[in-house]
Amino acid sequence: MGLFDFLSDKGEKKPVEPTTPQTGGTTDFFGNTANAADTTAAGDTYTVVSGDSLSKIAKNHYGDASKWHQIYDANKATIGSDPDKIEVGQVLTLPKA
């Protein structure tokens, strides 16, 4: 049934309603499912550029430089033991504030 068939038909036919995923997650454009917990915990990502520091990133993202600890805690595996040594090109997860 095409669009024009639907518009010209005076019957009780209705368009098919989209279904919601049964897994409790969300589906993106490509049909990939993600749990809501995964997307809210992950937050945004940020790629480190020259001159960045965790406090500068926190100031730009959260409006408060003192929240750099949140970024560091979420990225310890990427950054390492010294929060002052972030490298250009590192992709950091910026947790929701």
PDB file of N, CA and C in Angstrom:
ATOM      1  N   MET A   1       0.847  -1.163   0.000  1.00  0.00           N
ATOM      2  CA  MET A   1       0.000   0.000   0.000  1.00  0.00           C
ATOM      3  C   MET A   1       0.897   1.232   0.000  1.00  0.00           C
ATOM      4  N   GLY A   2       0.757   2.092  -0.946  1.00  0.00           N
ATOM      5  CA  GLY A   2       1.538   3.303  -1.047  1.00  0.00           C
ATOM      6  C   GLY A   2       0.880   4.455  -0.313  1.00  0.00           C
ATOM      7  N   LEU A   3       1.553   5.555  -0.273  1.00  0.00           N
ATOM      8  CA  LEU A   3       1.046   6.738   0.414  1.00  0.00           C
ATOM      9  C   LEU A   3      -0.240   7.238  -0.218  1.00  0.00           C
ATOM     10  N   PHE A   4      -0.279   7.284  -1.533  1.00  0.00           N
ATOM     11  CA  PHE A   4      -1.470   7.786  -2.203  1.00  0.00           C
ATOM     12  C   PHE A   4      -2.651   6.840  -2.033  1.00  0.00           C
ATOM     13  N   ASP A   5      -2.369   5.537  -1.970  1.00  0.00           N
ATOM     14  CA  ASP A   5      -3.442   4.580  -1.714  1.00  0.00           C
ATOM     15  C   ASP A   5      -4.050   4.828  -0.338  1.00  0.00           C
ATOM     16  N   PHE A   6      -3.213   5.100   0.629  1.00  0.00           N
ATOM     17  CA  PHE A   6      -3.689   5.344   1.989  1.00  0.00           C
ATOM     18  C   PHE A   6      -4.524   6.623   2.046  1.00  0.00           C
ATOM     19  N   LEU A   7      -4.051   7.675   1.375  1.00  0.00           N
ATOM     20  CA  LEU A   7      -4.755   8.951   1.415  1.00  0.00           C
ATOM     21  C   LEU A   7      -6.093   8.904   0.690  1.00  0.00           C
ATOM     22  N   SER A   8      -6.162   8.129  -0.384  1.00  0.00           N
ATOM     23  CA  SER A   8      -7.396   8.084  -1.163  1.00  0.00           C
ATOM     24  C   SER A   8      -8.384   7.060  -0.619  1.00  0.00           C
ATOM     25  N   ASP A   9      -7.926   6.140   0.228  1.00  0.00           N
ATOM     26  CA  ASP A   9      -8.795   5.103   0.777  1.00  0.00           C
ATOM     27  C   ASP A   9      -9.600   5.683   1.938  1.00  0.00           C
ATOM     28  N   LYS A  10     -10.911   5.548   1.899  1.00  0.00           N
ATOM     29  CA  LYS A  10     -11.782   6.088   2.945  1.00  0.00           C
ATOM     30  C   LYS A  10     -12.050   5.068   4.057  1.00  0.00           C
ATOM     31  N   GLY A  11     -11.404   3.917   3.978  1.00  0.00           N
ATOM     32  CA  GLY A  11     -11.634   2.869   4.974  1.00  0.00           C
ATOM     33  C   GLY A  11     -10.975   3.187   6.298  1.00  0.00           C
ATOM     34  N   GLU A  12     -11.031   2.226   7.179  1.00  0.00           N
ATOM     35  CA  GLU A  12     -10.493   2.394   8.528  1.00  0.00           C
ATOM     36  C   GLU A  12      -9.037   1.956   8.632  1.00  0.00           C
ATOM     37  N   LYS A  13      -8.334   1.843   7.524  1.00  0.00           N
ATOM     38  CA  LYS A  13      -6.937   1.411   7.568  1.00  0.00           C
ATOM     39  C   LYS A  13      -6.085   2.522   8.170  1.00  0.00           C
ATOM     40  N   LYS A  14      -5.181   2.130   9.032  1.00  0.00           N
ATOM     41  CA  LYS A  14      -4.294   3.089   9.689  1.00  0.00           C
ATOM     42  C   LYS A  14      -2.851   2.687   9.410  1.00  0.00           C
ATOM     43  N   PRO A  15      -1.947   3.646   9.422  1.00  0.00           N
ATOM     44  CA  PRO A  15      -0.546   3.290   9.212  1.00  0.00           C
ATOM     45  C   PRO A  15      -0.036   2.430  10.368  1.00  0.00           C
ATOM     46  N   VAL A  16       0.974   1.659  10.092  1.00  0.00           N
ATOM     47  CA  VAL A  16       1.561   0.781  11.095  1.00  0.00           C
ATOM     48  C   VAL A  16       2.291   1.641  12.120  1.00  0.00           C
ATOM     49  N   GLU A  17       2.042   1.380  13.392  1.00  0.00           N
ATOM     50  CA  GLU A  17       2.703   2.093  14.466  1.00  0.00           C
ATOM     51  C   GLU A  17       4.099   1.510  14.677  1.00  0.00           C
ATOM     52  N   PRO A  18       5.111   2.350  14.921  1.00  0.00           N
ATOM     53  CA  PRO A  18       6.447   1.811  15.203  1.00  0.00           C
ATOM     54  C   PRO A  18       6.425   1.041  16.523  1.00  0.00           C
ATOM     55  N   THR A  19       7.209  -0.010  16.581  1.00  0.00           N
ATOM     56  CA  THR A  19       7.273  -0.810  17.801  1.00  0.00           C
ATOM     57  C   THR A  19       8.423  -0.338  18.658  1.00  0.00           C
ATOM     58  N   THR A  20       8.316  -0.555  19.948  1.00  0.00           N
ATOM     59  CA  THR A  20       9.403  -0.223  20.858  1.00  0.00           C
ATOM     60  C   THR A  20      10.197  -1.485  21.116  1.00  0.00           C
ATOM     61  N   PRO A  21      11.503  -1.365  21.298  1.00  0.00           N
ATOM     62  CA  PRO A  21      12.313  -2.552  21.554  1.00  0.00           C
ATOM     63  C   PRO A  21      11.893  -3.238  22.846  1.00  0.00           C
ATOM     64  N   GLN A  22      11.919  -4.544  22.850  1.00  0.00           N
ATOM     65  CA  GLN A  22      11.527  -5.324  24.016  1.00  0.00           C
ATOM     66  C   GLN A  22      12.658  -5.477  25.020  1.00  0.00           C
ATOM     67  N   THR A  23      13.879  -5.047  24.658  1.00  0.00           N
ATOM     68  CA  THR A  23      15.029  -5.257  25.528  1.00  0.00           C
ATOM     69  C   THR A  23      15.155  -4.205  26.615  1.00  0.00           C
ATOM     70  N   GLY A  24      14.340  -3.149  26.572  1.00  0.00           N
ATOM     71  CA  GLY A  24      14.446  -2.107  27.571  1.00  0.00           C
ATOM     72  C   GLY A  24      15.458  -1.037  27.195  1.00  0.00           C
ATOM     73  N   GLY A  25      16.123  -1.206  26.057  1.00  0.00           N
ATOM     74  CA  GLY A  25      17.105  -0.228  25.610  1.00  0.00           C
ATOM     75  C   GLY A  25      16.532   0.645  24.525  1.00  0.00           C
ATOM     76  N   THR A  26      17.393   1.401  23.914  1.00  0.00           N
ATOM     77  CA  THR A  26      16.989   2.246  22.807  1.00  0.00           C
ATOM     78  C   THR A  26      17.656   1.745  21.541  1.00  0.00           C
ATOM     79  N   THR A  27      17.050   2.024  20.420  1.00  0.00           N
ATOM     80  CA  THR A  27      17.595   1.601  19.139  1.00  0.00           C
ATOM     81  C   THR A  27      17.980   2.829  18.343  1.00  0.00           C
ATOM     82  N   ASP A  28      19.207   2.818  17.800  1.00  0.00           N
ATOM     83  CA  ASP A  28      19.625   3.946  16.985  1.00  0.00           C
ATOM     84  C   ASP A  28      19.175   3.759  15.546  1.00  0.00           C
ATOM     85  N   PHE A  29      19.556   4.659  14.673  1.00  0.00           N
ATOM     86  CA  PHE A  29      19.159   4.644  13.273  1.00  0.00           C
ATOM     87  C   PHE A  29      19.513   3.329  12.589  1.00  0.00           C
ATOM     88  N   PHE A  30      20.630   2.726  12.973  1.00  0.00           N
ATOM     89  CA  PHE A  30      21.109   1.512  12.327  1.00  0.00           C
ATOM     90  C   PHE A  30      20.569   0.238  12.959  1.00  0.00           C
ATOM     91  N   GLY A  31      19.711   0.357  13.965  1.00  0.00           N
ATOM     92  CA  GLY A  31      19.127  -0.812  14.596  1.00  0.00           C
ATOM     93  C   GLY A  31      19.943  -1.353  15.751  1.00  0.00           C
ATOM     94  N   ASN A  32      21.023  -0.683  16.124  1.00  0.00           N
ATOM     95  CA  ASN A  32      21.831  -1.112  17.262  1.00  0.00           C
ATOM     96  C   ASN A  32      21.118  -0.723  18.542  1.00  0.00           C
ATOM     97  N   THR A  33      21.107  -1.639  19.502  1.00  0.00           N
ATOM     98  CA  THR A  33      20.446  -1.342  20.766  1.00  0.00           C
ATOM     99  C   THR A  33      21.485  -1.007  21.819  1.00  0.00           C
ATOM    100  N   ALA A  34      21.120  -0.091  22.684  1.00  0.00           N
ATOM    101  CA  ALA A  34      21.973   0.293  23.803  1.00  0.00           C
ATOM    102  C   ALA A  34      21.084   0.421  25.023  1.00  0.00           C
ATOM    103  N   ASN A  35      21.559  -0.091  26.123  1.00  0.00           N
ATOM    104  CA  ASN A  35      20.809   0.053  27.364  1.00  0.00           C
ATOM    105  C   ASN A  35      20.838   1.500  27.797  1.00  0.00           C
ATOM    106  N   ALA A  36      19.766   1.953  28.396  1.00  0.00           N
ATOM    107  CA  ALA A  36      19.688   3.333  28.854  1.00  0.00           C
ATOM    108  C   ALA A  36      20.783   3.628  29.876  1.00  0.00           C
ATOM    109  N   ALA A  37      21.125   2.654  30.697  1.00  0.00           N
ATOM    110  CA  ALA A  37      22.169   2.859  31.698  1.00  0.00           C
ATOM    111  C   ALA A  37      23.516   3.114  31.035  1.00  0.00           C
ATOM    112  N   ASP A  38      23.789   2.438  29.915  1.00  0.00           N
ATOM    113  CA  ASP A  38      25.051   2.632  29.219  1.00  0.00           C
ATOM    114  C   ASP A  38      25.159   4.042  28.654  1.00  0.00           C
ATOM    115  N   THR A  39      24.090   4.559  28.077  1.00  0.00           N
ATOM    116  CA  THR A  39      24.154   5.871  27.447  1.00  0.00           C
ATOM    117  C   THR A  39      24.176   6.995  28.470  1.00  0.00           C
ATOM    118  N   THR A  40      23.517   6.842  29.596  1.00  0.00           N
ATOM    119  CA  THR A  40      23.521   7.921  30.585  1.00  0.00           C
ATOM    120  C   THR A  40      24.822   7.920  31.373  1.00  0.00           C
ATOM    121  N   ALA A  41      25.400   6.760  31.612  1.00  0.00           N
ATOM    122  CA  ALA A  41      26.641   6.712  32.364  1.00  0.00           C
ATOM    123  C   ALA A  41      27.808   7.196  31.521  1.00  0.00           C
ATOM    124  N   ALA A  42      27.765   6.925  30.230  1.00  0.00           N
ATOM    125  CA  ALA A  42      28.887   7.260  29.375  1.00  0.00           C
ATOM    126  C   ALA A  42      29.015   8.757  29.163  1.00  0.00           C
ATOM    127  N   GLY A  43      27.938   9.455  28.957  1.00  0.00           N
ATOM    128  CA  GLY A  43      28.018  10.879  28.697  1.00  0.00           C
ATOM    129  C   GLY A  43      28.610  11.168  27.330  1.00  0.00           C
ATOM    130  N   ASP A  44      29.223  12.347  27.197  1.00  0.00           N
ATOM    131  CA  ASP A  44      29.837  12.757  25.947  1.00  0.00           C
ATOM    132  C   ASP A  44      31.292  12.319  25.912  1.00  0.00           C
ATOM    133  N   THR A  45      31.881  12.400  24.728  1.00  0.00           N
ATOM    134  CA  THR A  45      33.310  12.165  24.614  1.00  0.00           C
ATOM    135  C   THR A  45      33.989  13.442  24.161  1.00  0.00           C
ATOM    136  N   TYR A  46      35.268  13.551  24.461  1.00  0.00           N
ATOM    137  CA  TYR A  46      36.050  14.726  24.110  1.00  0.00           C
ATOM    138  C   TYR A  46      37.445  14.260  23.724  1.00  0.00           C
ATOM    139  N   THR A  47      37.962  14.784  22.629  1.00  0.00           N
ATOM    140  CA  THR A  47      39.312  14.468  22.195  1.00  0.00           C
ATOM    141  C   THR A  47      40.244  15.595  22.635  1.00  0.00           C
ATOM    142  N   VAL A  48      41.284  15.241  23.354  1.00  0.00           N
ATOM    143  CA  VAL A  48      42.221  16.209  23.915  1.00  0.00           C
ATOM    144  C   VAL A  48      42.996  16.895  22.788  1.00  0.00           C
ATOM    145  N   VAL A  49      43.099  18.223  22.887  1.00  0.00           N
ATOM    146  CA  VAL A  49      43.885  19.011  21.940  1.00  0.00           C
ATOM    147  C   VAL A  49      45.028  19.696  22.684  1.00  0.00           C
ATOM    148  N   SER A  50      45.979  20.230  21.940  1.00  0.00           N
ATOM    149  CA  SER A  50      47.133  20.891  22.526  1.00  0.00           C
ATOM    150  C   SER A  50      46.687  22.035  23.439  1.00  0.00           C
ATOM    151  N   GLY A  51      47.294  22.105  24.615  1.00  0.00           N
ATOM    152  CA  GLY A  51      46.975  23.158  25.577  1.00  0.00           C
ATOM    153  C   GLY A  51      45.874  22.804  26.556  1.00  0.00           C
ATOM    154  N   ASP A  52      45.271  21.637  26.394  1.00  0.00           N
ATOM    155  CA  ASP A  52      44.191  21.222  27.289  1.00  0.00           C
ATOM    156  C   ASP A  52      44.721  20.772  28.642  1.00  0.00           C
ATOM    157  N   SER A  53      43.881  20.909  29.630  1.00  0.00           N
ATOM    158  CA  SER A  53      44.076  20.314  30.946  1.00  0.00           C
ATOM    159  C   SER A  53      42.695  19.837  31.387  1.00  0.00           C
ATOM    160  N   LEU A  54      42.667  18.976  32.381  1.00  0.00           N
ATOM    161  CA  LEU A  54      41.369  18.489  32.842  1.00  0.00           C
ATOM    162  C   LEU A  54      40.519  19.627  33.382  1.00  0.00           C
ATOM    163  N   SER A  55      41.150  20.599  34.032  1.00  0.00           N
ATOM    164  CA  SER A  55      40.373  21.728  34.565  1.00  0.00           C
ATOM    165  C   SER A  55      39.831  22.610  33.437  1.00  0.00           C
ATOM    166  N   LYS A  56      40.581  22.784  32.346  1.00  0.00           N
ATOM    167  CA  LYS A  56      40.076  23.562  31.206  1.00  0.00           C
ATOM    168  C   LYS A  56      38.896  22.850  30.551  1.00  0.00           C
ATOM    169  N   ILE A  57      39.022  21.537  30.416  1.00  0.00           N
ATOM    170  CA  ILE A  57      37.938  20.758  29.819  1.00  0.00           C
ATOM    171  C   ILE A  57      36.699  20.841  30.707  1.00  0.00           C
ATOM    172  N   ALA A  58      36.896  20.706  32.023  1.00  0.00           N
ATOM    173  CA  ALA A  58      35.772  20.788  32.965  1.00  0.00           C
ATOM    174  C   ALA A  58      35.122  22.165  32.917  1.00  0.00           C
ATOM    175  N   LYS A  59      35.924  23.215  32.827  1.00  0.00           N
ATOM    176  CA  LYS A  59      35.393  24.577  32.762  1.00  0.00           C
ATOM    177  C   LYS A  59      34.545  24.752  31.503  1.00  0.00           C
ATOM    178  N   ASN A  60      35.030  24.252  30.368  1.00  0.00           N
ATOM    179  CA  ASN A  60      34.298  24.391  29.105  1.00  0.00           C
ATOM    180  C   ASN A  60      33.046  23.516  29.060  1.00  0.00           C
ATOM    181  N   HIS A  61      33.140  22.310  29.616  1.00  0.00           N
ATOM    182  CA  HIS A  61      32.019  21.364  29.515  1.00  0.00           C
ATOM    183  C   HIS A  61      30.977  21.566  30.614  1.00  0.00           C
ATOM    184  N   TYR A  62      31.441  21.761  31.845  1.00  0.00           N
ATOM    185  CA  TYR A  62      30.530  21.864  32.981  1.00  0.00           C
ATOM    186  C   TYR A  62      30.335  23.295  33.470  1.00  0.00           C
ATOM    187  N   GLY A  63      31.229  24.215  33.061  1.00  0.00           N
ATOM    188  CA  GLY A  63      31.172  25.575  33.566  1.00  0.00           C
ATOM    189  C   GLY A  63      31.837  25.724  34.924  1.00  0.00           C
ATOM    190  N   ASP A  64      32.566  24.688  35.367  1.00  0.00           N
ATOM    191  CA  ASP A  64      33.204  24.696  36.679  1.00  0.00           C
ATOM    192  C   ASP A  64      34.502  23.889  36.594  1.00  0.00           C
ATOM    193  N   ALA A  65      35.633  24.594  36.683  1.00  0.00           N
ATOM    194  CA  ALA A  65      36.940  23.942  36.550  1.00  0.00           C
ATOM    195  C   ALA A  65      37.211  22.938  37.658  1.00  0.00           C
ATOM    196  N   SER A  66      36.585  23.128  38.817  1.00  0.00           N
ATOM    197  CA  SER A  66      36.839  22.219  39.942  1.00  0.00           C
ATOM    198  C   SER A  66      36.228  20.832  39.742  1.00  0.00           C
ATOM    199  N   LYS A  67      35.453  20.644  38.694  1.00  0.00           N
ATOM    200  CA  LYS A  67      34.864  19.322  38.424  1.00  0.00           C
ATOM    201  C   LYS A  67      35.788  18.429  37.593  1.00  0.00           C
ATOM    202  N   TRP A  68      37.071  18.812  37.498  1.00  0.00           N
ATOM    203  CA  TRP A  68      38.018  18.002  36.742  1.00  0.00           C
ATOM    204  C   TRP A  68      38.150  16.603  37.334  1.00  0.00           C
ATOM    205  N   HIS A  69      37.891  16.469  38.640  1.00  0.00           N
ATOM    206  CA  HIS A  69      37.962  15.153  39.303  1.00  0.00           C
ATOM    207  C   HIS A  69      36.985  14.167  38.672  1.00  0.00           C
ATOM    208  N   GLN A  70      35.805  14.636  38.286  1.00  0.00           N
ATOM    209  CA  GLN A  70      34.816  13.746  37.664  1.00  0.00           C
ATOM    210  C   GLN A  70      35.357  13.180  36.355  1.00  0.00           C
ATOM    211  N   ILE A  71      36.000  14.037  35.583  1.00  0.00           N
ATOM    212  CA  ILE A  71      36.575  13.587  34.309  1.00  0.00           C
ATOM    213  C   ILE A  71      37.700  12.596  34.575  1.00  0.00           C
ATOM    214  N   TYR A  72      38.557  12.926  35.533  1.00  0.00           N
ATOM    215  CA  TYR A  72      39.675  12.032  35.846  1.00  0.00           C
ATOM    216  C   TYR A  72      39.183  10.675  36.340  1.00  0.00           C
ATOM    217  N   ASP A  73      38.217  10.678  37.243  1.00  0.00           N
ATOM    218  CA  ASP A  73      37.697   9.415  37.779  1.00  0.00           C
ATOM    219  C   ASP A  73      37.098   8.536  36.681  1.00  0.00           C
ATOM    220  N   ALA A  74      36.464   9.147  35.699  1.00  0.00           N
ATOM    221  CA  ALA A  74      35.846   8.381  34.619  1.00  0.00           C
ATOM    222  C   ALA A  74      36.870   7.887  33.597  1.00  0.00           C
ATOM    223  N   ASN A  75      38.092   8.426  33.639  1.00  0.00           N
ATOM    224  CA  ASN A  75      39.083   8.118  32.609  1.00  0.00           C
ATOM    225  C   ASN A  75      40.432   7.673  33.159  1.00  0.00           C
ATOM    226  N   LYS A  76      40.466   7.145  34.381  1.00  0.00           N
ATOM    227  CA  LYS A  76      41.732   6.722  34.974  1.00  0.00           C
ATOM    228  C   LYS A  76      42.468   5.694  34.118  1.00  0.00           C
ATOM    229  N   ALA A  77      41.728   4.801  33.491  1.00  0.00           N
ATOM    230  CA  ALA A  77      42.366   3.777  32.662  1.00  0.00           C
ATOM    231  C   ALA A  77      43.056   4.395  31.452  1.00  0.00           C
ATOM    232  N   THR A  78      42.513   5.470  30.933  1.00  0.00           N
ATOM    233  CA  THR A  78      43.084   6.135  29.767  1.00  0.00           C
ATOM    234  C   THR A  78      44.209   7.082  30.164  1.00  0.00           C
ATOM    235  N   ILE A  79      44.002   7.844  31.225  1.00  0.00           N
ATOM    236  CA  ILE A  79      44.951   8.884  31.626  1.00  0.00           C
ATOM    237  C   ILE A  79      46.138   8.313  32.385  1.00  0.00           C
ATOM    238  N   GLY A  80      45.889   7.362  33.266  1.00  0.00           N
ATOM    239  CA  GLY A  80      46.951   6.819  34.103  1.00  0.00           C
ATOM    240  C   GLY A  80      46.899   7.413  35.493  1.00  0.00           C
ATOM    241  N   SER A  81      48.006   7.278  36.216  1.00  0.00           N
ATOM    242  CA  SER A  81      48.014   7.685  37.625  1.00  0.00           C
ATOM    243  C   SER A  81      48.237   9.179  37.830  1.00  0.00           C
ATOM    244  N   ASP A  82      48.661   9.915  36.796  1.00  0.00           N
ATOM    245  CA  ASP A  82      48.924  11.345  36.936  1.00  0.00           C
ATOM    246  C   ASP A  82      47.918  12.150  36.123  1.00  0.00           C
ATOM    247  N   PRO A  83      46.960  12.821  36.782  1.00  0.00           N
ATOM    248  CA  PRO A  83      45.932  13.560  36.047  1.00  0.00           C
ATOM    249  C   PRO A  83      46.478  14.762  35.277  1.00  0.00           C
ATOM    250  N   ASP A  84      47.724  15.180  35.568  1.00  0.00           N
ATOM    251  CA  ASP A  84      48.327  16.294  34.847  1.00  0.00           C
ATOM    252  C   ASP A  84      48.917  15.867  33.499  1.00  0.00           C
ATOM    253  N   LYS A  85      48.979  14.580  33.250  1.00  0.00           N
ATOM    254  CA  LYS A  85      49.619  14.105  32.024  1.00  0.00           C
ATOM    255  C   LYS A  85      48.603  13.516  31.052  1.00  0.00           C
ATOM    256  N   ILE A  86      47.758  14.396  30.523  1.00  0.00           N
ATOM    257  CA  ILE A  86      46.881  13.967  29.443  1.00  0.00           C
ATOM    258  C   ILE A  86      47.605  14.253  28.132  1.00  0.00           C
ATOM    259  N   GLU A  87      47.297  13.470  27.114  1.00  0.00           N
ATOM    260  CA  GLU A  87      48.017  13.585  25.854  1.00  0.00           C
ATOM    261  C   GLU A  87      47.073  13.991  24.731  1.00  0.00           C
ATOM    262  N   VAL A  88      47.611  14.747  23.796  1.00  0.00           N
ATOM    263  CA  VAL A  88      46.849  15.160  22.617  1.00  0.00           C
ATOM    264  C   VAL A  88      46.361  13.913  21.894  1.00  0.00           C
ATOM    265  N   GLY A  89      45.085  13.902  21.542  1.00  0.00           N
ATOM    266  CA  GLY A  89      44.500  12.775  20.820  1.00  0.00           C
ATOM    267  C   GLY A  89      43.770  11.780  21.706  1.00  0.00           C
ATOM    268  N   GLN A  90      43.981  11.838  23.016  1.00  0.00           N
ATOM    269  CA  GLN A  90      43.247  10.937  23.910  1.00  0.00           C
ATOM    270  C   GLN A  90      41.762  11.271  23.835  1.00  0.00           C
ATOM    271  N   VAL A  91      40.944  10.237  23.804  1.00  0.00           N
ATOM    272  CA  VAL A  91      39.498  10.424  23.802  1.00  0.00           C
ATOM    273  C   VAL A  91      39.006  10.155  25.220  1.00  0.00           C
ATOM    274  N   LEU A  92      38.448  11.196  25.828  1.00  0.00           N
ATOM    275  CA  LEU A  92      37.985  11.103  27.207  1.00  0.00           C
ATOM    276  C   LEU A  92      36.474  11.074  27.268  1.00  0.00           C
ATOM    277  N   THR A  93      35.958  10.327  28.218  1.00  0.00           N
ATOM    278  CA  THR A  93      34.535  10.307  28.479  1.00  0.00           C
ATOM    279  C   THR A  93      34.215  11.420  29.464  1.00  0.00           C
ATOM    280  N   LEU A  94      33.235  12.240  29.120  1.00  0.00           N
ATOM    281  CA  LEU A  94      32.816  13.317  30.013  1.00  0.00           C
ATOM    282  C   LEU A  94      31.488  12.915  30.636  1.00  0.00           C
ATOM    283  N   PRO A  95      31.534  12.452  31.899  1.00  0.00           N
ATOM    284  CA  PRO A  95      30.306  11.983  32.544  1.00  0.00           C
ATOM    285  C   PRO A  95      29.300  13.121  32.721  1.00  0.00           C
ATOM    286  N   LYS A  96      28.051  12.751  32.801  1.00  0.00           N
ATOM    287  CA  LYS A  96      27.008  13.746  33.042  1.00  0.00           C
ATOM    288  C   LYS A  96      27.206  14.349  34.425  1.00  0.00           C
ATOM    289  N   ALA A  97      27.014  15.642  34.510  1.00  0.00           N
ATOM    290  CA  ALA A  97      27.256  16.346  35.782  1.00  0.00           C
ATOM    291  C   ALA A  97      26.197  16.078  36.802  1.00  0.00           C
TER     292      ALA A  97
END
